[in-house]
Amino acid sequence: MTLQATSQPFVRPHPKPLDVAKYDPFLAACPVIDCGHPLVQDRAALLAHGLFSDEAIAKACFEWVRDEIQHSVDFERGPVTCKASDVLAHRTGFCFAKSHLLAALLRANGVPAGLTYQRLRRRSGGYLIHGLNVVHLPQIGWYRLDARGNKDGVQAEFTPPRERLPWDGKGDGEVNAREIWATPLTQVVDLLNGAATWQDVRAHLPDSFEA
């Protein structure tokens, strides 16, 4: 497991004891997962209103990002976003950007959340990496979520303890990362911050998450 975050977390009052030392990197803010930003905190509070369990909050945050933030390729729209607050402000992003926002909303609500990746085969040949989330649920442990956005043939749901992801990452040459990252991969951040259009991102998606 890779622990990269160093800043202090914003944590909602937690209804049960939490091993802060163990989960601190997955509750912390960073330049991309800016869970302390006012826009993020306001949305996180709205989503968690009236909910008291981590599982209920995780479901609400996941479904909102999945359904309300438009995937850049599906909707063929920009701007290219990376930072969680920018994804929220513009309501669009690639899978990576949407995972940054979901992590920020969960962390703003005191729910430990990280990032992980899959290496998937392209329909046109070759491979690309795909970003998704991992949330820690008290009765289950780490549980993967894919907030990329549903469409025909691509379905993700919140059904713990069973994962329901659009892709299983088990095809020839495909890989499910075992690591849980507290901060995004540098190559992902560089790609999103350096691209002028969503077409640029699609054309230069990395094909490996290995260092």
N, C-alpha and C. Protein backbone atom coordinates (compact mmCIF):
# COMPACT_ATOMS: atom_id res chain seq x y z
N MET A 1 0.85 -1.18 0.00
CA MET A 1 0.00 0.00 0.00
C MET A 1 0.89 1.23 0.00
N THR A 2 0.59 2.19 -0.88
CA THR A 2 1.41 3.38 -1.00
C THR A 2 0.75 4.52 -0.26
N LEU A 3 1.44 5.11 0.71
CA LEU A 3 0.92 6.22 1.48
C LEU A 3 1.70 7.46 1.10
N GLN A 4 1.02 8.42 0.42
CA GLN A 4 1.74 9.57 -0.09
C GLN A 4 1.28 10.90 0.49
N ALA A 5 0.07 10.99 1.04
CA ALA A 5 -0.43 12.26 1.51
C ALA A 5 0.26 12.66 2.81
N THR A 6 0.47 13.97 3.00
CA THR A 6 1.16 14.45 4.18
C THR A 6 0.40 15.54 4.92
N SER A 7 -0.57 16.19 4.28
CA SER A 7 -1.27 17.30 4.91
C SER A 7 -2.28 16.78 5.93
N GLN A 8 -2.81 17.72 6.77
CA GLN A 8 -3.72 17.33 7.82
C GLN A 8 -5.14 17.18 7.27
N PRO A 9 -5.90 16.20 7.76
CA PRO A 9 -7.24 15.99 7.23
C PRO A 9 -8.28 16.91 7.82
N PHE A 10 -9.34 17.17 7.07
CA PHE A 10 -10.57 17.73 7.60
C PHE A 10 -11.47 16.55 7.90
N VAL A 11 -11.90 16.40 9.15
CA VAL A 11 -12.64 15.22 9.55
C VAL A 11 -13.93 15.63 10.24
N ARG A 12 -15.05 15.08 9.78
CA ARG A 12 -16.31 15.31 10.47
C ARG A 12 -16.29 14.55 11.79
N PRO A 13 -17.08 14.97 12.78
CA PRO A 13 -17.18 14.18 14.01
C PRO A 13 -17.59 12.76 13.67
N HIS A 14 -16.82 11.81 14.12
CA HIS A 14 -17.05 10.42 13.74
C HIS A 14 -17.88 9.71 14.79
N PRO A 15 -18.89 8.93 14.39
CA PRO A 15 -19.77 8.29 15.36
C PRO A 15 -19.14 7.11 16.08
N LYS A 16 -17.95 6.71 15.70
CA LYS A 16 -17.31 5.57 16.33
C LYS A 16 -15.80 5.78 16.32
N PRO A 17 -15.06 5.08 17.18
CA PRO A 17 -13.61 5.27 17.20
C PRO A 17 -12.99 4.94 15.85
N LEU A 18 -12.01 5.75 15.45
CA LEU A 18 -11.31 5.52 14.20
C LEU A 18 -9.82 5.56 14.46
N ASP A 19 -9.09 4.60 13.92
CA ASP A 19 -7.64 4.56 14.07
C ASP A 19 -7.03 5.64 13.17
N VAL A 20 -6.95 6.87 13.70
CA VAL A 20 -6.53 8.01 12.90
C VAL A 20 -5.12 7.81 12.34
N ALA A 21 -4.22 7.27 13.14
CA ALA A 21 -2.84 7.07 12.67
C ALA A 21 -2.80 6.16 11.45
N LYS A 22 -3.67 5.17 11.43
CA LYS A 22 -3.70 4.21 10.32
C LYS A 22 -4.32 4.81 9.07
N TYR A 23 -5.38 5.60 9.25
CA TYR A 23 -6.14 6.08 8.10
C TYR A 23 -5.88 7.53 7.73
N ASP A 24 -5.03 8.23 8.50
CA ASP A 24 -4.78 9.65 8.26
C ASP A 24 -4.46 9.98 6.79
N PRO A 25 -3.58 9.24 6.11
CA PRO A 25 -3.31 9.60 4.70
C PRO A 25 -4.55 9.54 3.82
N PHE A 26 -5.55 8.76 4.22
CA PHE A 26 -6.75 8.60 3.41
C PHE A 26 -7.89 9.49 3.89
N LEU A 27 -7.56 10.39 4.81
CA LEU A 27 -8.48 11.44 5.25
C LEU A 27 -7.92 12.82 4.95
N ALA A 28 -6.71 12.86 4.43
CA ALA A 28 -5.97 14.11 4.29
C ALA A 28 -6.26 14.82 2.98
N ALA A 29 -6.10 16.14 3.02
CA ALA A 29 -6.15 16.94 1.80
C ALA A 29 -4.81 16.92 1.11
N CYS A 30 -4.83 17.13 -0.19
CA CYS A 30 -3.62 17.34 -0.99
C CYS A 30 -3.99 18.31 -2.10
N PRO A 31 -3.05 18.81 -2.89
CA PRO A 31 -3.41 19.79 -3.92
C PRO A 31 -4.48 19.33 -4.89
N VAL A 32 -4.59 18.04 -5.16
CA VAL A 32 -5.59 17.53 -6.10
C VAL A 32 -6.86 17.12 -5.38
N ILE A 33 -6.73 16.42 -4.28
CA ILE A 33 -7.90 16.02 -3.48
C ILE A 33 -8.08 17.10 -2.41
N ASP A 34 -8.61 18.24 -2.82
CA ASP A 34 -8.69 19.41 -1.93
C ASP A 34 -10.01 19.39 -1.15
N CYS A 35 -10.07 18.45 -0.21
CA CYS A 35 -11.30 18.22 0.54
C CYS A 35 -11.64 19.35 1.50
N GLY A 36 -10.72 20.28 1.73
CA GLY A 36 -11.02 21.43 2.57
C GLY A 36 -11.60 22.60 1.81
N HIS A 37 -11.69 22.51 0.48
CA HIS A 37 -12.21 23.61 -0.33
C HIS A 37 -13.69 23.84 0.01
N PRO A 38 -14.13 25.11 0.10
CA PRO A 38 -15.52 25.38 0.47
C PRO A 38 -16.56 24.71 -0.43
N LEU A 39 -16.32 24.65 -1.74
CA LEU A 39 -17.27 23.99 -2.62
C LEU A 39 -17.40 22.51 -2.29
N VAL A 40 -16.27 21.87 -2.02
CA VAL A 40 -16.27 20.45 -1.69
C VAL A 40 -16.96 20.21 -0.36
N GLN A 41 -16.63 21.03 0.63
CA GLN A 41 -17.23 20.84 1.94
C GLN A 41 -18.74 21.07 1.91
N ASP A 42 -19.17 22.08 1.16
CA ASP A 42 -20.61 22.34 1.07
C ASP A 42 -21.35 21.17 0.43
N ARG A 43 -20.81 20.65 -0.68
CA ARG A 43 -21.45 19.52 -1.35
C ARG A 43 -21.41 18.28 -0.46
N ALA A 44 -20.28 18.05 0.21
CA ALA A 44 -20.16 16.90 1.10
C ALA A 44 -21.20 16.95 2.21
N ALA A 45 -21.42 18.13 2.77
CA ALA A 45 -22.41 18.28 3.84
C ALA A 45 -23.82 18.02 3.32
N LEU A 46 -24.13 18.51 2.11
CA LEU A 46 -25.44 18.27 1.52
C LEU A 46 -25.68 16.78 1.30
N LEU A 47 -24.67 16.10 0.80
CA LEU A 47 -24.83 14.67 0.50
C LEU A 47 -24.96 13.83 1.76
N ALA A 48 -24.33 14.27 2.84
CA ALA A 48 -24.35 13.49 4.08
C ALA A 48 -25.50 13.88 5.01
N HIS A 49 -26.25 14.89 4.64
CA HIS A 49 -27.32 15.39 5.52
C HIS A 49 -28.31 14.27 5.87
N GLY A 50 -28.50 14.06 7.16
CA GLY A 50 -29.43 13.06 7.63
C GLY A 50 -28.91 11.64 7.63
N LEU A 51 -27.65 11.46 7.22
CA LEU A 51 -27.06 10.12 7.17
C LEU A 51 -26.06 9.96 8.31
N PHE A 52 -25.98 8.77 8.90
CA PHE A 52 -25.13 8.60 10.07
C PHE A 52 -24.12 7.47 9.95
N SER A 53 -24.21 6.67 8.93
CA SER A 53 -23.23 5.59 8.77
C SER A 53 -22.30 5.89 7.61
N ASP A 54 -21.07 5.40 7.72
CA ASP A 54 -20.11 5.57 6.63
C ASP A 54 -20.64 4.94 5.34
N GLU A 55 -21.31 3.81 5.47
CA GLU A 55 -21.81 3.12 4.29
C GLU A 55 -22.86 3.97 3.57
N ALA A 56 -23.78 4.57 4.32
CA ALA A 56 -24.81 5.40 3.71
C ALA A 56 -24.21 6.64 3.06
N ILE A 57 -23.22 7.24 3.72
CA ILE A 57 -22.57 8.43 3.17
C ILE A 57 -21.78 8.07 1.92
N ALA A 58 -21.08 6.95 1.96
CA ALA A 58 -20.31 6.51 0.79
C ALA A 58 -21.23 6.28 -0.40
N LYS A 59 -22.37 5.65 -0.18
CA LYS A 59 -23.32 5.39 -1.26
C LYS A 59 -23.84 6.69 -1.86
N ALA A 60 -24.19 7.64 -0.99
CA ALA A 60 -24.72 8.91 -1.48
C ALA A 60 -23.68 9.68 -2.29
N CYS A 61 -22.46 9.73 -1.80
CA CYS A 61 -21.39 10.44 -2.51
C CYS A 61 -21.06 9.76 -3.84
N PHE A 62 -20.95 8.44 -3.81
CA PHE A 62 -20.64 7.69 -5.01
C PHE A 62 -21.69 7.90 -6.09
N GLU A 63 -22.95 7.73 -5.74
CA GLU A 63 -24.00 7.82 -6.75
C GLU A 63 -24.12 9.23 -7.30
N TRP A 64 -23.86 10.24 -6.47
CA TRP A 64 -23.93 11.62 -6.96
C TRP A 64 -22.82 11.90 -7.97
N VAL A 65 -21.58 11.50 -7.65
CA VAL A 65 -20.48 11.72 -8.59
C VAL A 65 -20.69 10.90 -9.86
N ARG A 66 -21.10 9.67 -9.71
CA ARG A 66 -21.35 8.81 -10.88
C ARG A 66 -22.37 9.43 -11.82
N ASP A 67 -23.47 9.95 -11.25
CA ASP A 67 -24.61 10.37 -12.06
C ASP A 67 -24.63 11.85 -12.42
N GLU A 68 -24.02 12.69 -11.60
CA GLU A 68 -24.14 14.14 -11.80
C GLU A 68 -22.91 14.80 -12.42
N ILE A 69 -21.78 14.13 -12.38
CA ILE A 69 -20.56 14.66 -13.01
C ILE A 69 -20.41 13.96 -14.36
N GLN A 70 -20.43 14.72 -15.44
CA GLN A 70 -20.41 14.14 -16.77
C GLN A 70 -19.01 13.68 -17.16
N HIS A 71 -18.93 12.46 -17.69
CA HIS A 71 -17.64 11.96 -18.16
C HIS A 71 -17.27 12.70 -19.44
N SER A 72 -16.02 13.18 -19.50
CA SER A 72 -15.58 14.06 -20.58
C SER A 72 -15.77 13.45 -21.97
N VAL A 73 -15.50 12.16 -22.10
CA VAL A 73 -15.62 11.52 -23.42
C VAL A 73 -17.08 11.23 -23.75
N ASP A 74 -17.83 10.74 -22.79
CA ASP A 74 -19.24 10.42 -23.05
C ASP A 74 -20.00 11.65 -23.54
N PHE A 75 -19.69 12.81 -22.96
CA PHE A 75 -20.41 14.04 -23.29
C PHE A 75 -19.62 14.97 -24.19
N GLU A 76 -18.41 14.53 -24.56
CA GLU A 76 -17.55 15.29 -25.47
C GLU A 76 -17.45 16.76 -25.07
N ARG A 77 -17.03 16.97 -23.84
CA ARG A 77 -16.99 18.33 -23.35
C ARG A 77 -15.78 18.59 -22.46
N GLY A 78 -15.37 19.83 -22.40
CA GLY A 78 -14.34 20.29 -21.50
C GLY A 78 -14.97 21.21 -20.47
N PRO A 79 -14.14 21.88 -19.69
CA PRO A 79 -12.68 21.83 -19.77
C PRO A 79 -12.12 20.55 -19.16
N VAL A 80 -10.83 20.33 -19.39
CA VAL A 80 -10.15 19.20 -18.74
C VAL A 80 -9.95 19.57 -17.28
N THR A 81 -10.45 18.73 -16.39
CA THR A 81 -10.35 19.00 -14.95
C THR A 81 -9.47 17.96 -14.28
N CYS A 82 -8.93 18.33 -13.14
CA CYS A 82 -8.09 17.41 -12.36
C CYS A 82 -8.39 17.54 -10.87
N LYS A 83 -8.25 18.77 -10.36
CA LYS A 83 -8.47 19.03 -8.94
C LYS A 83 -9.94 18.83 -8.59
N ALA A 84 -10.20 18.24 -7.43
CA ALA A 84 -11.58 17.90 -7.04
C ALA A 84 -12.51 19.10 -7.11
N SER A 85 -12.09 20.25 -6.61
CA SER A 85 -12.96 21.42 -6.61
C SER A 85 -13.27 21.90 -8.03
N ASP A 86 -12.32 21.73 -8.96
CA ASP A 86 -12.57 22.10 -10.36
C ASP A 86 -13.55 21.13 -11.02
N VAL A 87 -13.42 19.85 -10.70
CA VAL A 87 -14.37 18.85 -11.22
C VAL A 87 -15.78 19.22 -10.76
N LEU A 88 -15.89 19.59 -9.50
CA LEU A 88 -17.19 19.96 -8.95
C LEU A 88 -17.72 21.24 -9.59
N ALA A 89 -16.87 22.22 -9.77
CA ALA A 89 -17.30 23.50 -10.33
C ALA A 89 -17.77 23.36 -11.77
N HIS A 90 -17.07 22.55 -12.56
CA HIS A 90 -17.40 22.42 -13.98
C HIS A 90 -18.32 21.24 -14.29
N ARG A 91 -18.51 20.35 -13.31
CA ARG A 91 -19.39 19.19 -13.43
C ARG A 91 -18.98 18.26 -14.57
N THR A 92 -17.68 18.14 -14.81
CA THR A 92 -17.20 17.22 -15.84
C THR A 92 -15.79 16.76 -15.50
N GLY A 93 -15.41 15.60 -16.05
CA GLY A 93 -14.06 15.09 -15.83
C GLY A 93 -13.91 13.69 -16.38
N PHE A 94 -12.66 13.29 -16.59
CA PHE A 94 -12.34 11.91 -16.93
C PHE A 94 -12.50 11.05 -15.68
N CYS A 95 -12.37 9.73 -15.85
CA CYS A 95 -12.50 8.82 -14.71
C CYS A 95 -11.57 9.22 -13.57
N PHE A 96 -10.35 9.62 -13.90
CA PHE A 96 -9.38 10.02 -12.88
C PHE A 96 -9.90 11.20 -12.08
N ALA A 97 -10.37 12.23 -12.80
CA ALA A 97 -10.85 13.44 -12.15
C ALA A 97 -12.07 13.15 -11.27
N LYS A 98 -12.96 12.30 -11.77
CA LYS A 98 -14.13 11.95 -10.98
C LYS A 98 -13.74 11.19 -9.72
N SER A 99 -12.69 10.37 -9.81
CA SER A 99 -12.21 9.67 -8.61
C SER A 99 -11.60 10.64 -7.61
N HIS A 100 -10.97 11.72 -8.10
CA HIS A 100 -10.42 12.73 -7.20
C HIS A 100 -11.55 13.42 -6.42
N LEU A 101 -12.64 13.72 -7.13
CA LEU A 101 -13.76 14.37 -6.46
C LEU A 101 -14.42 13.44 -5.45
N LEU A 102 -14.64 12.19 -5.83
CA LEU A 102 -15.27 11.26 -4.89
C LEU A 102 -14.42 11.09 -3.64
N ALA A 103 -13.12 10.97 -3.81
CA ALA A 103 -12.23 10.86 -2.64
C ALA A 103 -12.35 12.10 -1.76
N ALA A 104 -12.42 13.28 -2.37
CA ALA A 104 -12.51 14.52 -1.60
C ALA A 104 -13.82 14.61 -0.83
N LEU A 105 -14.93 14.23 -1.47
CA LEU A 105 -16.22 14.27 -0.78
C LEU A 105 -16.26 13.30 0.40
N LEU A 106 -15.71 12.11 0.20
CA LEU A 106 -15.69 11.14 1.28
C LEU A 106 -14.80 11.61 2.42
N ARG A 107 -13.62 12.11 2.10
CA ARG A 107 -12.70 12.59 3.14
C ARG A 107 -13.29 13.78 3.89
N ALA A 108 -13.98 14.66 3.17
CA ALA A 108 -14.61 15.81 3.83
C ALA A 108 -15.66 15.36 4.84
N ASN A 109 -16.20 14.16 4.63
CA ASN A 109 -17.16 13.59 5.57
C ASN A 109 -16.52 12.62 6.56
N GLY A 110 -15.20 12.58 6.60
CA GLY A 110 -14.51 11.73 7.57
C GLY A 110 -14.50 10.27 7.23
N VAL A 111 -14.76 9.93 5.96
CA VAL A 111 -14.75 8.54 5.52
C VAL A 111 -13.45 8.27 4.78
N PRO A 112 -12.60 7.36 5.25
CA PRO A 112 -11.32 7.11 4.58
C PRO A 112 -11.50 6.65 3.15
N ALA A 113 -10.79 7.30 2.23
CA ALA A 113 -10.94 6.98 0.81
C ALA A 113 -9.61 7.12 0.10
N GLY A 114 -9.35 6.22 -0.83
CA GLY A 114 -8.12 6.26 -1.61
C GLY A 114 -8.42 6.08 -3.09
N LEU A 115 -7.34 5.94 -3.84
CA LEU A 115 -7.42 5.79 -5.29
C LEU A 115 -6.77 4.48 -5.70
N THR A 116 -7.26 3.87 -6.76
CA THR A 116 -6.60 2.72 -7.33
C THR A 116 -6.83 2.74 -8.84
N TYR A 117 -6.21 1.80 -9.54
CA TYR A 117 -6.21 1.85 -11.01
C TYR A 117 -6.34 0.44 -11.58
N GLN A 118 -6.85 0.40 -12.81
CA GLN A 118 -6.87 -0.82 -13.60
C GLN A 118 -6.15 -0.57 -14.92
N ARG A 119 -5.48 -1.59 -15.43
CA ARG A 119 -4.95 -1.55 -16.79
C ARG A 119 -5.90 -2.38 -17.64
N LEU A 120 -6.53 -1.71 -18.61
CA LEU A 120 -7.57 -2.34 -19.41
C LEU A 120 -7.21 -2.33 -20.89
N ARG A 121 -7.73 -3.29 -21.61
CA ARG A 121 -7.46 -3.37 -23.04
C ARG A 121 -8.39 -2.40 -23.78
N ARG A 122 -7.81 -1.65 -24.72
CA ARG A 122 -8.60 -0.77 -25.59
C ARG A 122 -9.32 -1.61 -26.65
N ARG A 123 -10.48 -1.17 -27.04
CA ARG A 123 -11.18 -1.85 -28.14
C ARG A 123 -10.38 -1.76 -29.43
N SER A 124 -9.66 -0.64 -29.60
CA SER A 124 -8.89 -0.42 -30.82
C SER A 124 -7.52 -1.07 -30.78
N GLY A 125 -7.18 -1.73 -29.66
CA GLY A 125 -5.87 -2.34 -29.49
C GLY A 125 -5.03 -1.56 -28.51
N GLY A 126 -4.10 -2.25 -27.87
CA GLY A 126 -3.29 -1.61 -26.85
C GLY A 126 -4.03 -1.55 -25.52
N TYR A 127 -3.49 -0.76 -24.59
CA TYR A 127 -4.03 -0.70 -23.24
C TYR A 127 -4.13 0.75 -22.78
N LEU A 128 -4.91 0.95 -21.72
CA LEU A 128 -4.99 2.24 -21.05
C LEU A 128 -5.18 1.98 -19.57
N ILE A 129 -4.90 2.99 -18.75
CA ILE A 129 -5.19 2.85 -17.33
C ILE A 129 -6.48 3.59 -17.01
N HIS A 130 -7.18 3.06 -16.05
CA HIS A 130 -8.49 3.55 -15.66
C HIS A 130 -8.45 3.82 -14.16
N GLY A 131 -9.00 4.97 -13.74
CA GLY A 131 -8.97 5.33 -12.33
C GLY A 131 -10.28 5.07 -11.62
N LEU A 132 -10.19 4.57 -10.40
CA LEU A 132 -11.36 4.35 -9.57
C LEU A 132 -10.99 4.56 -8.10
N ASN A 133 -11.95 4.36 -7.22
CA ASN A 133 -11.75 4.64 -5.80
C ASN A 133 -11.78 3.38 -4.96
N VAL A 134 -11.24 3.53 -3.75
CA VAL A 134 -11.37 2.52 -2.70
C VAL A 134 -11.80 3.25 -1.44
N VAL A 135 -12.90 2.81 -0.83
CA VAL A 135 -13.40 3.42 0.39
C VAL A 135 -13.32 2.39 1.51
N HIS A 136 -13.04 2.86 2.73
CA HIS A 136 -12.99 1.94 3.86
C HIS A 136 -14.32 1.96 4.59
N LEU A 137 -15.01 0.80 4.58
CA LEU A 137 -16.28 0.65 5.26
C LEU A 137 -16.08 -0.18 6.52
N PRO A 138 -16.55 0.27 7.67
CA PRO A 138 -16.22 -0.36 8.96
C PRO A 138 -16.48 -1.85 9.03
N GLN A 139 -17.57 -2.33 8.47
CA GLN A 139 -17.91 -3.75 8.59
C GLN A 139 -17.34 -4.60 7.46
N ILE A 140 -16.67 -3.96 6.50
CA ILE A 140 -16.23 -4.67 5.31
C ILE A 140 -14.74 -4.55 5.06
N GLY A 141 -14.19 -3.38 5.31
CA GLY A 141 -12.80 -3.08 4.96
C GLY A 141 -12.77 -2.27 3.67
N TRP A 142 -11.69 -2.38 2.92
CA TRP A 142 -11.54 -1.61 1.69
C TRP A 142 -12.43 -2.17 0.59
N TYR A 143 -13.15 -1.26 -0.07
CA TYR A 143 -14.17 -1.64 -1.06
C TYR A 143 -14.03 -0.73 -2.27
N ARG A 144 -13.90 -1.32 -3.47
CA ARG A 144 -13.69 -0.52 -4.68
C ARG A 144 -15.00 0.02 -5.24
N LEU A 145 -14.91 1.27 -5.75
CA LEU A 145 -16.03 1.95 -6.37
C LEU A 145 -15.57 2.56 -7.68
N ASP A 146 -16.42 2.52 -8.69
CA ASP A 146 -16.08 3.12 -9.98
C ASP A 146 -17.15 4.15 -10.33
N ALA A 147 -16.82 5.44 -10.16
CA ALA A 147 -17.77 6.53 -10.38
C ALA A 147 -17.68 7.12 -11.78
N ARG A 148 -17.09 6.40 -12.72
CA ARG A 148 -16.87 6.90 -14.07
C ARG A 148 -18.15 7.38 -14.76
N GLY A 149 -19.28 6.72 -14.45
CA GLY A 149 -20.55 7.08 -15.07
C GLY A 149 -21.12 5.92 -15.86
N ASN A 150 -22.37 5.59 -15.63
CA ASN A 150 -23.01 4.47 -16.31
C ASN A 150 -23.48 4.86 -17.71
N LYS A 151 -23.51 3.87 -18.59
CA LYS A 151 -24.07 3.99 -19.93
C LYS A 151 -24.32 2.58 -20.42
N ASP A 152 -24.82 2.41 -21.63
CA ASP A 152 -25.07 1.08 -22.15
C ASP A 152 -23.78 0.25 -22.12
N GLY A 153 -23.84 -0.89 -21.45
CA GLY A 153 -22.69 -1.78 -21.38
C GLY A 153 -21.68 -1.42 -20.31
N VAL A 154 -21.90 -0.33 -19.59
CA VAL A 154 -20.98 0.10 -18.52
C VAL A 154 -21.83 0.41 -17.29
N GLN A 155 -21.78 -0.50 -16.30
CA GLN A 155 -22.61 -0.35 -15.12
C GLN A 155 -21.79 -0.54 -13.85
N ALA A 156 -21.90 0.42 -12.96
CA ALA A 156 -21.25 0.33 -11.65
C ALA A 156 -22.29 0.64 -10.58
N GLU A 157 -22.30 -0.15 -9.52
CA GLU A 157 -23.27 0.03 -8.45
C GLU A 157 -22.58 -0.09 -7.10
N PHE A 158 -23.27 0.39 -6.07
CA PHE A 158 -22.80 0.27 -4.69
C PHE A 158 -23.56 -0.89 -4.05
N THR A 159 -22.91 -2.06 -3.96
CA THR A 159 -23.58 -3.27 -3.45
C THR A 159 -22.67 -4.02 -2.48
N PRO A 160 -22.13 -3.35 -1.45
CA PRO A 160 -21.21 -4.04 -0.54
C PRO A 160 -21.89 -5.21 0.17
N PRO A 161 -21.16 -6.29 0.45
CA PRO A 161 -19.71 -6.45 0.26
C PRO A 161 -19.30 -6.86 -1.14
N ARG A 162 -20.27 -7.07 -2.04
CA ARG A 162 -19.93 -7.47 -3.41
C ARG A 162 -19.61 -6.24 -4.25
N GLU A 163 -18.47 -6.28 -4.93
CA GLU A 163 -18.13 -5.19 -5.83
C GLU A 163 -18.88 -5.35 -7.15
N ARG A 164 -19.35 -4.24 -7.68
CA ARG A 164 -19.96 -4.27 -9.00
C ARG A 164 -19.30 -3.17 -9.83
N LEU A 165 -18.27 -3.56 -10.57
CA LEU A 165 -17.49 -2.65 -11.39
C LEU A 165 -17.78 -2.91 -12.87
N PRO A 166 -17.60 -1.90 -13.72
CA PRO A 166 -17.84 -2.10 -15.15
C PRO A 166 -16.88 -3.10 -15.79
N TRP A 167 -15.64 -3.15 -15.31
CA TRP A 167 -14.63 -4.02 -15.88
C TRP A 167 -13.96 -4.80 -14.76
N ASP A 168 -13.70 -6.09 -15.01
CA ASP A 168 -13.07 -6.90 -13.96
C ASP A 168 -11.55 -6.85 -14.02
N GLY A 169 -10.99 -6.34 -15.11
CA GLY A 169 -9.54 -6.22 -15.20
C GLY A 169 -8.81 -7.55 -15.24
N LYS A 170 -9.47 -8.58 -15.76
CA LYS A 170 -8.88 -9.91 -15.76
C LYS A 170 -8.61 -10.46 -17.16
N GLY A 171 -8.74 -9.60 -18.18
CA GLY A 171 -8.47 -10.04 -19.54
C GLY A 171 -6.99 -10.17 -19.80
N ASP A 172 -6.65 -10.66 -20.95
CA ASP A 172 -5.25 -10.83 -21.34
C ASP A 172 -4.51 -9.50 -21.29
N GLY A 173 -3.47 -9.44 -20.47
CA GLY A 173 -2.68 -8.24 -20.33
C GLY A 173 -3.26 -7.19 -19.40
N GLU A 174 -4.46 -7.44 -18.89
CA GLU A 174 -5.09 -6.49 -17.99
C GLU A 174 -4.62 -6.72 -16.55
N VAL A 175 -4.70 -5.66 -15.73
CA VAL A 175 -4.19 -5.73 -14.35
C VAL A 175 -5.09 -4.92 -13.43
N ASN A 176 -5.38 -5.48 -12.27
CA ASN A 176 -5.98 -4.73 -11.18
C ASN A 176 -4.87 -4.38 -10.18
N ALA A 177 -4.64 -3.09 -9.99
CA ALA A 177 -3.60 -2.70 -9.04
C ALA A 177 -3.94 -3.19 -7.64
N ARG A 178 -2.94 -3.65 -6.93
CA ARG A 178 -3.15 -4.07 -5.54
C ARG A 178 -2.99 -2.90 -4.58
N GLU A 179 -2.29 -1.87 -5.02
CA GLU A 179 -2.02 -0.72 -4.16
C GLU A 179 -3.25 0.17 -3.99
N ILE A 180 -3.31 0.84 -2.86
CA ILE A 180 -4.27 1.91 -2.62
C ILE A 180 -3.45 3.18 -2.45
N TRP A 181 -3.66 4.14 -3.33
CA TRP A 181 -2.89 5.38 -3.29
C TRP A 181 -3.66 6.45 -2.51
N ALA A 182 -2.95 7.20 -1.68
CA ALA A 182 -3.56 8.32 -0.97
C ALA A 182 -3.61 9.57 -1.83
N THR A 183 -2.71 9.68 -2.80
CA THR A 183 -2.69 10.80 -3.73
C THR A 183 -2.59 10.25 -5.15
N PRO A 184 -3.00 11.03 -6.15
CA PRO A 184 -3.03 10.51 -7.52
C PRO A 184 -1.64 10.25 -8.08
N LEU A 185 -1.57 9.39 -9.07
CA LEU A 185 -0.33 9.14 -9.79
C LEU A 185 0.14 10.43 -10.47
N THR A 186 1.45 10.67 -10.41
CA THR A 186 2.01 11.87 -11.03
C THR A 186 1.71 11.93 -12.51
N GLN A 187 1.79 10.79 -13.19
CA GLN A 187 1.55 10.79 -14.64
C GLN A 187 0.11 11.17 -14.97
N VAL A 188 -0.82 10.84 -14.10
CA VAL A 188 -2.21 11.22 -14.30
C VAL A 188 -2.39 12.72 -14.11
N VAL A 189 -1.82 13.24 -13.04
CA VAL A 189 -1.93 14.67 -12.76
C VAL A 189 -1.28 15.48 -13.87
N ASP A 190 -0.10 15.06 -14.31
CA ASP A 190 0.59 15.78 -15.39
C ASP A 190 -0.22 15.76 -16.68
N LEU A 191 -0.82 14.62 -17.00
CA LEU A 191 -1.64 14.53 -18.21
C LEU A 191 -2.82 15.48 -18.15
N LEU A 192 -3.57 15.43 -17.05
CA LEU A 192 -4.77 16.26 -16.95
C LEU A 192 -4.44 17.75 -16.90
N ASN A 193 -3.39 18.10 -16.17
CA ASN A 193 -3.03 19.52 -16.06
C ASN A 193 -2.38 20.06 -17.32
N GLY A 194 -1.81 19.18 -18.15
CA GLY A 194 -1.11 19.63 -19.34
C GLY A 194 -1.92 19.58 -20.62
N ALA A 195 -3.12 18.99 -20.56
CA ALA A 195 -3.93 18.82 -21.77
C ALA A 195 -4.83 20.03 -21.99
N ALA A 196 -4.94 20.45 -23.25
CA ALA A 196 -5.79 21.59 -23.59
C ALA A 196 -7.24 21.17 -23.82
N THR A 197 -7.43 19.95 -24.32
CA THR A 197 -8.78 19.50 -24.66
C THR A 197 -8.98 18.06 -24.19
N TRP A 198 -10.26 17.67 -24.14
CA TRP A 198 -10.54 16.28 -23.75
C TRP A 198 -10.02 15.31 -24.80
N GLN A 199 -9.96 15.75 -26.04
CA GLN A 199 -9.40 14.90 -27.09
C GLN A 199 -7.92 14.62 -26.85
N ASP A 200 -7.18 15.64 -26.34
CA ASP A 200 -5.76 15.45 -26.02
C ASP A 200 -5.58 14.39 -24.94
N VAL A 201 -6.43 14.42 -23.94
CA VAL A 201 -6.33 13.43 -22.86
C VAL A 201 -6.60 12.03 -23.43
N ARG A 202 -7.66 11.90 -24.19
CA ARG A 202 -8.02 10.58 -24.74
C ARG A 202 -6.90 10.02 -25.61
N ALA A 203 -6.21 10.90 -26.33
CA ALA A 203 -5.16 10.45 -27.24
C ALA A 203 -3.87 10.09 -26.52
N HIS A 204 -3.71 10.50 -25.27
CA HIS A 204 -2.44 10.28 -24.57
C HIS A 204 -2.62 9.56 -23.22
N LEU A 205 -3.68 8.80 -23.09
CA LEU A 205 -3.88 8.06 -21.85
C LEU A 205 -2.72 7.09 -21.62
N PRO A 206 -2.13 7.08 -20.42
CA PRO A 206 -1.04 6.14 -20.16
C PRO A 206 -1.53 4.72 -20.20
N ASP A 207 -0.60 3.78 -20.44
CA ASP A 207 -0.99 2.37 -20.54
C ASP A 207 -0.47 1.53 -19.39
N SER A 208 0.12 2.17 -18.39
CA SER A 208 0.62 1.43 -17.23
C SER A 208 0.66 2.33 -16.03
N PHE A 209 0.32 1.79 -14.85
CA PHE A 209 0.43 2.56 -13.61
C PHE A 209 1.69 2.20 -12.84
N GLU A 210 2.56 1.40 -13.43
CA GLU A 210 3.79 1.01 -12.75
C GLU A 210 4.83 2.11 -12.84
N ALA A 211 5.58 2.30 -11.78
CA ALA A 211 6.60 3.35 -11.75
C ALA A 211 7.72 3.00 -12.72
